Each structure stands twice: as C-alpha cells, then as structure tokens.
PDB file of N, CA and C in Angstrom:
ATOM      1  N   MET A   1      -5.257 -14.298  10.658  1.00  0.00           N
ATOM      2  CA  MET A   1      -4.467 -15.735  10.053  1.00  0.00           C
ATOM      3  C   MET A   1      -3.098 -15.600  10.505  1.00  0.00           C
ATOM      4  N   ASN A   2      -2.593 -16.551  10.522  1.00  0.00           N
ATOM      5  CA  ASN A   2      -0.964 -16.366  10.844  1.00  0.00           C
ATOM      6  C   ASN A   2      -0.021 -16.628   9.238  1.00  0.00           C
ATOM      7  N   ALA A   3       0.987 -16.352   9.229  1.00  0.00           N
ATOM      8  CA  ALA A   3       1.584 -16.804   8.160  1.00  0.00           C
ATOM      9  C   ALA A   3       1.324 -18.194   7.157  1.00  0.00           C
ATOM     10  N   SER A   4       1.538 -19.168   7.863  1.00  0.00           N
ATOM     11  CA  SER A   4       1.478 -20.548   6.949  1.00  0.00           C
ATOM     12  C   SER A   4      -0.089 -20.464   6.699  1.00  0.00           C
ATOM     13  N   SER A   5      -0.943 -20.185   6.885  1.00  0.00           N
ATOM     14  CA  SER A   5      -2.053 -20.044   6.303  1.00  0.00           C
ATOM     15  C   SER A   5      -2.264 -19.133   5.334  1.00  0.00           C
ATOM     16  N   PHE A   6      -1.549 -17.900   5.211  1.00  0.00           N
ATOM     17  CA  PHE A   6      -1.568 -17.634   3.254  1.00  0.00           C
ATOM     18  C   PHE A   6      -0.612 -17.960   2.738  1.00  0.00           C
ATOM     19  N   PHE A   7      -0.244 -18.723   3.353  1.00  0.00           N
ATOM     20  CA  PHE A   7       1.228 -19.386   2.270  1.00  0.00           C
ATOM     21  C   PHE A   7       0.365 -20.357   1.689  1.00  0.00           C
ATOM     22  N   PHE A   8      -0.282 -21.110   2.280  1.00  0.00           N
ATOM     23  CA  PHE A   8      -1.183 -22.470   2.070  1.00  0.00           C
ATOM     24  C   PHE A   8      -2.189 -21.955   1.124  1.00  0.00           C
ATOM     25  N   ILE A   9      -2.935 -21.170   1.374  1.00  0.00           N
ATOM     26  CA  ILE A   9      -3.519 -20.261   0.568  1.00  0.00           C
ATOM     27  C   ILE A   9      -3.847 -19.872  -0.589  1.00  0.00           C
ATOM     28  N   ALA A  10      -2.328 -19.485  -0.859  1.00  0.00           N
ATOM     29  CA  ALA A  10      -1.294 -18.620  -1.610  1.00  0.00           C
ATOM     30  C   ALA A  10      -1.111 -20.014  -2.683  1.00  0.00           C
ATOM     31  N   LEU A  11      -0.584 -20.795  -2.342  1.00  0.00           N
ATOM     32  CA  LEU A  11      -0.050 -22.031  -2.713  1.00  0.00           C
ATOM     33  C   LEU A  11      -1.516 -23.043  -3.749  1.00  0.00           C
ATOM     34  N   SER A  12      -2.406 -22.725  -2.833  1.00  0.00           N
ATOM     35  CA  SER A  12      -3.281 -23.838  -3.512  1.00  0.00           C
ATOM     36  C   SER A  12      -4.076 -23.014  -4.766  1.00  0.00           C
ATOM     37  N   ALA A  13      -3.996 -21.551  -4.588  1.00  0.00           N
ATOM     38  CA  ALA A  13      -4.508 -20.700  -5.094  1.00  0.00           C
ATOM     39  C   ALA A  13      -3.702 -20.635  -6.354  1.00  0.00           C
ATOM     40  N   ILE A  14      -2.487 -21.205  -6.745  1.00  0.00           N
ATOM     41  CA  ILE A  14      -1.521 -21.493  -7.848  1.00  0.00           C
ATOM     42  C   ILE A  14      -1.776 -23.002  -8.324  1.00  0.00           C
ATOM     43  N   ILE A  15      -2.023 -23.753  -7.538  1.00  0.00           N
ATOM     44  CA  ILE A  15      -2.321 -24.931  -7.848  1.00  0.00           C
ATOM     45  C   ILE A  15      -3.461 -25.011  -8.467  1.00  0.00           C
ATOM     46  N   ALA A  16      -4.440 -24.309  -8.371  1.00  0.00           N
ATOM     47  CA  ALA A  16      -5.760 -24.184  -9.020  1.00  0.00           C
ATOM     48  C   ALA A  16      -5.863 -23.373 -10.555  1.00  0.00           C
ATOM     49  N   LEU A  17      -4.942 -22.845 -10.566  1.00  0.00           N
ATOM     50  CA  LEU A  17      -4.660 -21.666 -11.492  1.00  0.00           C
ATOM     51  C   LEU A  17      -3.793 -22.678 -12.342  1.00  0.00           C
ATOM     52  N   VAL A  18      -2.700 -23.695 -12.409  1.00  0.00           N
ATOM     53  CA  VAL A  18      -2.412 -24.287 -12.637  1.00  0.00           C
ATOM     54  C   VAL A  18      -3.413 -25.473 -13.752  1.00  0.00           C
ATOM     55  N   GLY A  19      -3.934 -25.806 -12.732  1.00  0.00           N
ATOM     56  CA  GLY A  19      -5.068 -26.771 -13.414  1.00  0.00           C
ATOM     57  C   GLY A  19      -5.917 -26.376 -14.217  1.00  0.00           C
ATOM     58  N   LEU A  20      -6.530 -25.091 -14.050  1.00  0.00           N
ATOM     59  CA  LEU A  20      -7.195 -24.351 -15.091  1.00  0.00           C
ATOM     60  C   LEU A  20      -6.656 -24.148 -16.465  1.00  0.00           C
ATOM     61  N   PHE A  21      -5.438 -23.782 -16.010  1.00  0.00           N
ATOM     62  CA  PHE A  21      -4.611 -23.996 -17.797  1.00  0.00           C
ATOM     63  C   PHE A  21      -4.314 -24.909 -18.127  1.00  0.00           C
ATOM     64  N   ALA A  22      -4.273 -25.935 -17.361  1.00  0.00           N
ATOM     65  CA  ALA A  22      -3.565 -27.362 -18.050  1.00  0.00           C
ATOM     66  C   ALA A  22      -5.102 -28.296 -18.376  1.00  0.00           C
ATOM     67  N   ALA A  23      -6.564 -27.670 -17.949  1.00  0.00           N
ATOM     68  CA  ALA A  23      -7.596 -28.367 -18.348  1.00  0.00           C
ATOM     69  C   ALA A  23      -7.709 -27.503 -19.885  1.00  0.00           C
ATOM     70  N   ALA A  24      -7.563 -26.125 -19.860  1.00  0.00           N
ATOM     71  CA  ALA A  24      -7.290 -25.221 -21.182  1.00  0.00           C
ATOM     72  C   ALA A  24      -6.865 -25.947 -22.456  1.00  0.00           C
ATOM     73  N   ALA A  25      -5.923 -26.229 -22.058  1.00  0.00           N
ATOM     74  CA  ALA A  25      -4.334 -26.318 -23.028  1.00  0.00           C
ATOM     75  C   ALA A  25      -4.838 -28.074 -23.948  1.00  0.00           C
ATOM     76  N   ALA A  26      -5.644 -28.995 -22.328  1.00  0.00           N
ATOM     77  CA  ALA A  26      -5.159 -30.436 -23.179  1.00  0.00           C
ATOM     78  C   ALA A  26      -6.621 -30.607 -23.594  1.00  0.00           C
ATOM     79  N   SER A  27      -6.213 -32.056 -23.752  1.00  0.00           N
ATOM     80  CA  SER A  27      -8.364 -32.751 -24.334  1.00  0.00           C
ATOM     81  C   SER A  27      -7.919 -34.097 -24.252  1.00  0.00           C
ATOM     82  N   GLY A  28      -8.974 -34.525 -23.807  1.00  0.00           N
ATOM     83  CA  GLY A  28      -9.400 -35.981 -23.547  1.00  0.00           C
ATOM     84  C   GLY A  28      -9.167 -36.014 -21.931  1.00  0.00           C
ATOM     85  N   TYR A  29      -8.435 -37.267 -21.309  1.00  0.00           N
ATOM     86  CA  TYR A  29      -8.232 -37.465 -19.762  1.00  0.00           C
ATOM     87  C   TYR A  29      -7.262 -36.118 -18.979  1.00  0.00           C
ATOM     88  N   LEU A  30      -6.383 -36.145 -20.144  1.00  0.00           N
ATOM     89  CA  LEU A  30      -5.665 -34.925 -19.083  1.00  0.00           C
ATOM     90  C   LEU A  30      -7.071 -33.560 -18.737  1.00  0.00           C
ATOM     91  N   GLN A  31      -7.677 -33.425 -19.664  1.00  0.00           N
ATOM     92  CA  GLN A  31      -8.706 -31.933 -19.238  1.00  0.00           C
ATOM     93  C   GLN A  31      -8.742 -32.311 -17.938  1.00  0.00           C
ATOM     94  N   PHE A  32      -9.615 -33.463 -18.124  1.00  0.00           N
ATOM     95  CA  PHE A  32     -10.359 -34.000 -16.531  1.00  0.00           C
ATOM     96  C   PHE A  32      -9.054 -34.053 -15.201  1.00  0.00           C
ATOM     97  N   PHE A  33      -8.179 -34.763 -15.412  1.00  0.00           N
ATOM     98  CA  PHE A  33      -6.627 -34.136 -14.850  1.00  0.00           C
ATOM     99  C   PHE A  33      -6.958 -32.596 -14.017  1.00  0.00           C
ATOM    100  N   GLY A  34      -6.710 -31.627 -15.136  1.00  0.00           N
ATOM    101  CA  GLY A  34      -6.782 -30.493 -14.629  1.00  0.00           C
ATOM    102  C   GLY A  34      -7.611 -29.551 -14.075  1.00  0.00           C
ATOM    103  N   PHE A  35      -9.030 -30.345 -14.472  1.00  0.00           N
ATOM    104  CA  PHE A  35     -10.471 -29.948 -13.410  1.00  0.00           C
ATOM    105  C   PHE A  35     -10.069 -30.311 -12.204  1.00  0.00           C
ATOM    106  N   GLY A  36      -9.664 -31.589 -12.130  1.00  0.00           N
ATOM    107  CA  GLY A  36      -9.351 -32.205 -10.705  1.00  0.00           C
ATOM    108  C   GLY A  36      -8.675 -31.616  -9.795  1.00  0.00           C
ATOM    109  N   LEU A  37      -7.463 -31.129 -10.811  1.00  0.00           N
ATOM    110  CA  LEU A  37      -6.234 -30.519 -10.109  1.00  0.00           C
ATOM    111  C   LEU A  37      -6.802 -28.493  -9.611  1.00  0.00           C
ATOM    112  N   MET A  38      -7.796 -28.141 -10.418  1.00  0.00           N
ATOM    113  CA  MET A  38      -8.254 -26.944 -10.207  1.00  0.00           C
ATOM    114  C   MET A  38      -9.172 -27.012  -8.752  1.00  0.00           C
ATOM    115  N   LEU A  39     -10.363 -28.396  -8.471  1.00  0.00           N
ATOM    116  CA  LEU A  39     -11.267 -28.410  -7.714  1.00  0.00           C
ATOM    117  C   LEU A  39     -10.145 -28.818  -6.463  1.00  0.00           C
ATOM    118  N   PHE A  40      -9.002 -29.416  -6.743  1.00  0.00           N
ATOM    119  CA  PHE A  40      -7.769 -29.881  -5.190  1.00  0.00           C
ATOM    120  C   PHE A  40      -7.552 -28.451  -4.688  1.00  0.00           C
ATOM    121  N   GLY A  41      -7.306 -27.590  -5.812  1.00  0.00           N
ATOM    122  CA  GLY A  41      -6.862 -26.513  -5.153  1.00  0.00           C
ATOM    123  C   GLY A  41      -7.552 -25.613  -4.396  1.00  0.00           C
ATOM    124  N   VAL A  42      -9.097 -25.661  -5.136  1.00  0.00           N
ATOM    125  CA  VAL A  42      -9.684 -24.981  -4.316  1.00  0.00           C
ATOM    126  C   VAL A  42     -10.635 -25.497  -2.927  1.00  0.00           C
ATOM    127  N   ALA A  43     -10.429 -26.630  -3.185  1.00  0.00           N
ATOM    128  CA  ALA A  43     -11.254 -27.623  -1.595  1.00  0.00           C
ATOM    129  C   ALA A  43      -9.670 -26.885  -0.623  1.00  0.00           C
ATOM    130  N   PHE A  44      -8.452 -27.381  -1.132  1.00  0.00           N
ATOM    131  CA  PHE A  44      -7.527 -27.449   0.198  1.00  0.00           C
ATOM    132  C   PHE A  44      -7.691 -25.441   0.791  1.00  0.00           C
ATOM    133  N   ALA A  45      -7.867 -24.786   0.131  1.00  0.00           N
ATOM    134  CA  ALA A  45      -8.006 -23.409   0.294  1.00  0.00           C
ATOM    135  C   ALA A  45      -8.752 -23.275   1.151  1.00  0.00           C
ATOM    136  N   PHE A  46     -10.366 -23.949   1.007  1.00  0.00           N
ATOM    137  CA  PHE A  46     -11.285 -23.859   1.797  1.00  0.00           C
ATOM    138  C   PHE A  46     -11.144 -24.380   3.096  1.00  0.00           C
ATOM    139  N   THR A  47     -10.642 -25.434   2.798  1.00  0.00           N
ATOM    140  CA  THR A  47      -9.959 -26.247   4.116  1.00  0.00           C
ATOM    141  C   THR A  47      -9.103 -25.708   5.240  1.00  0.00           C
ATOM    142  N   THR A  48      -8.232 -24.650   4.430  1.00  0.00           N
ATOM    143  CA  THR A  48      -7.333 -24.246   5.179  1.00  0.00           C
ATOM    144  C   THR A  48      -7.827 -23.239   6.322  1.00  0.00           C
ATOM    145  N   VAL A  49      -9.096 -22.716   5.364  1.00  0.00           N
ATOM    146  CA  VAL A  49      -9.815 -21.254   5.622  1.00  0.00           C
ATOM    147  C   VAL A  49     -10.381 -21.924   7.098  1.00  0.00           C
ATOM    148  N   LYS A  50     -11.013 -23.031   6.784  1.00  0.00           N
ATOM    149  CA  LYS A  50     -12.064 -23.725   8.202  1.00  0.00           C
ATOM    150  C   LYS A  50     -11.159 -23.935   8.945  1.00  0.00           C
ATOM    151  N   ARG A  51      -9.863 -24.528   8.713  1.00  0.00           N
ATOM    152  CA  ARG A  51      -9.114 -25.044  10.159  1.00  0.00           C
ATOM    153  C   ARG A  51      -8.822 -23.204  11.219  1.00  0.00           C
ATOM    154  N   HIS A  52      -8.729 -22.586  10.274  1.00  0.00           N
ATOM    155  CA  HIS A  52      -8.046 -21.032  11.291  1.00  0.00           C
ATOM    156  C   HIS A  52      -9.479 -20.898  11.906  1.00  0.00           C
ATOM    157  N   TYR A  53     -10.632 -20.893  11.344  1.00  0.00           N
ATOM    158  CA  TYR A  53     -12.136 -20.920  12.274  1.00  0.00           C
ATOM    159  C   TYR A  53     -12.277 -21.564  13.138  1.00  0.00           C
ATOM    160  N   ASP A  54     -11.850 -22.896  12.794  1.00  0.00           N
ATOM    161  CA  ASP A  54     -12.344 -24.115  14.220  1.00  0.00           C
ATOM    162  C   ASP A  54     -11.089 -23.682  15.045  1.00  0.00           C
ATOM    163  N   ALA A  55     -10.197 -23.440  15.015  1.00  0.00           N
ATOM    164  CA  ALA A  55      -8.919 -22.755  16.181  1.00  0.00           C
ATOM    165  C   ALA A  55      -9.196 -22.179  16.888  1.00  0.00           C
ATOM    166  N   ALA A  56     -10.367 -20.775  15.659  1.00  0.00           N
ATOM    167  CA  ALA A  56     -10.152 -19.027  16.497  1.00  0.00           C
ATOM    168  C   ALA A  56     -11.141 -19.636  17.494  1.00  0.00           C
ATOM    169  N   HIS A  57     -12.294 -20.785  16.757  1.00  0.00           N
ATOM    170  CA  HIS A  57     -13.672 -20.607  17.764  1.00  0.00           C
ATOM    171  C   HIS A  57     -13.330 -22.082  18.999  1.00  0.00           C
ATOM    172  N   SER A  58     -12.217 -22.684  18.777  1.00  0.00           N
ATOM    173  CA  SER A  58     -12.156 -23.263  19.854  1.00  0.00           C
ATOM    174  C   SER A  58     -11.412 -22.576  21.103  1.00  0.00           C
ATOM    175  N   HIS A  59     -10.795 -21.520  20.987  1.00  0.00           N
ATOM    176  CA  HIS A  59     -10.020 -20.974  22.070  1.00  0.00           C
ATOM    177  C   HIS A  59     -11.240 -19.868  22.607  1.00  0.00           C
TER     178      HIS A  59
END
C-alpha cells in the first residue's frame, strides 16, 4: 500500500472514533448521526483497502 492509502485509512479510523464518541455522548437523533459517522468511517476504510487490492490485481 502506498502512503495515501495509509493516510485515508487513518483518517477514516479517526472519523469512526469521533462517531463512536459522539454516539456515546449524545441522545436522540444525534446518537444516530454518531453511529452513521462511525459506519461511514468503517465503510470508507474497507473501500480504500478494496481499491488497493483491485488495483494490485489488475496489474
């Protein structure tokens, strides 16, 4: 993996953690926003890893 992949995986991990902390601290609809942010961070990290392996497989 190149440096940009590591950067975006680390960024998505930070986004997921912020989402978890937001969901833990909030109540009501903001709690769902925190869970959505966490899901977005996890999905973005998996997509970044998938793009890496798709690019490696195409060569």
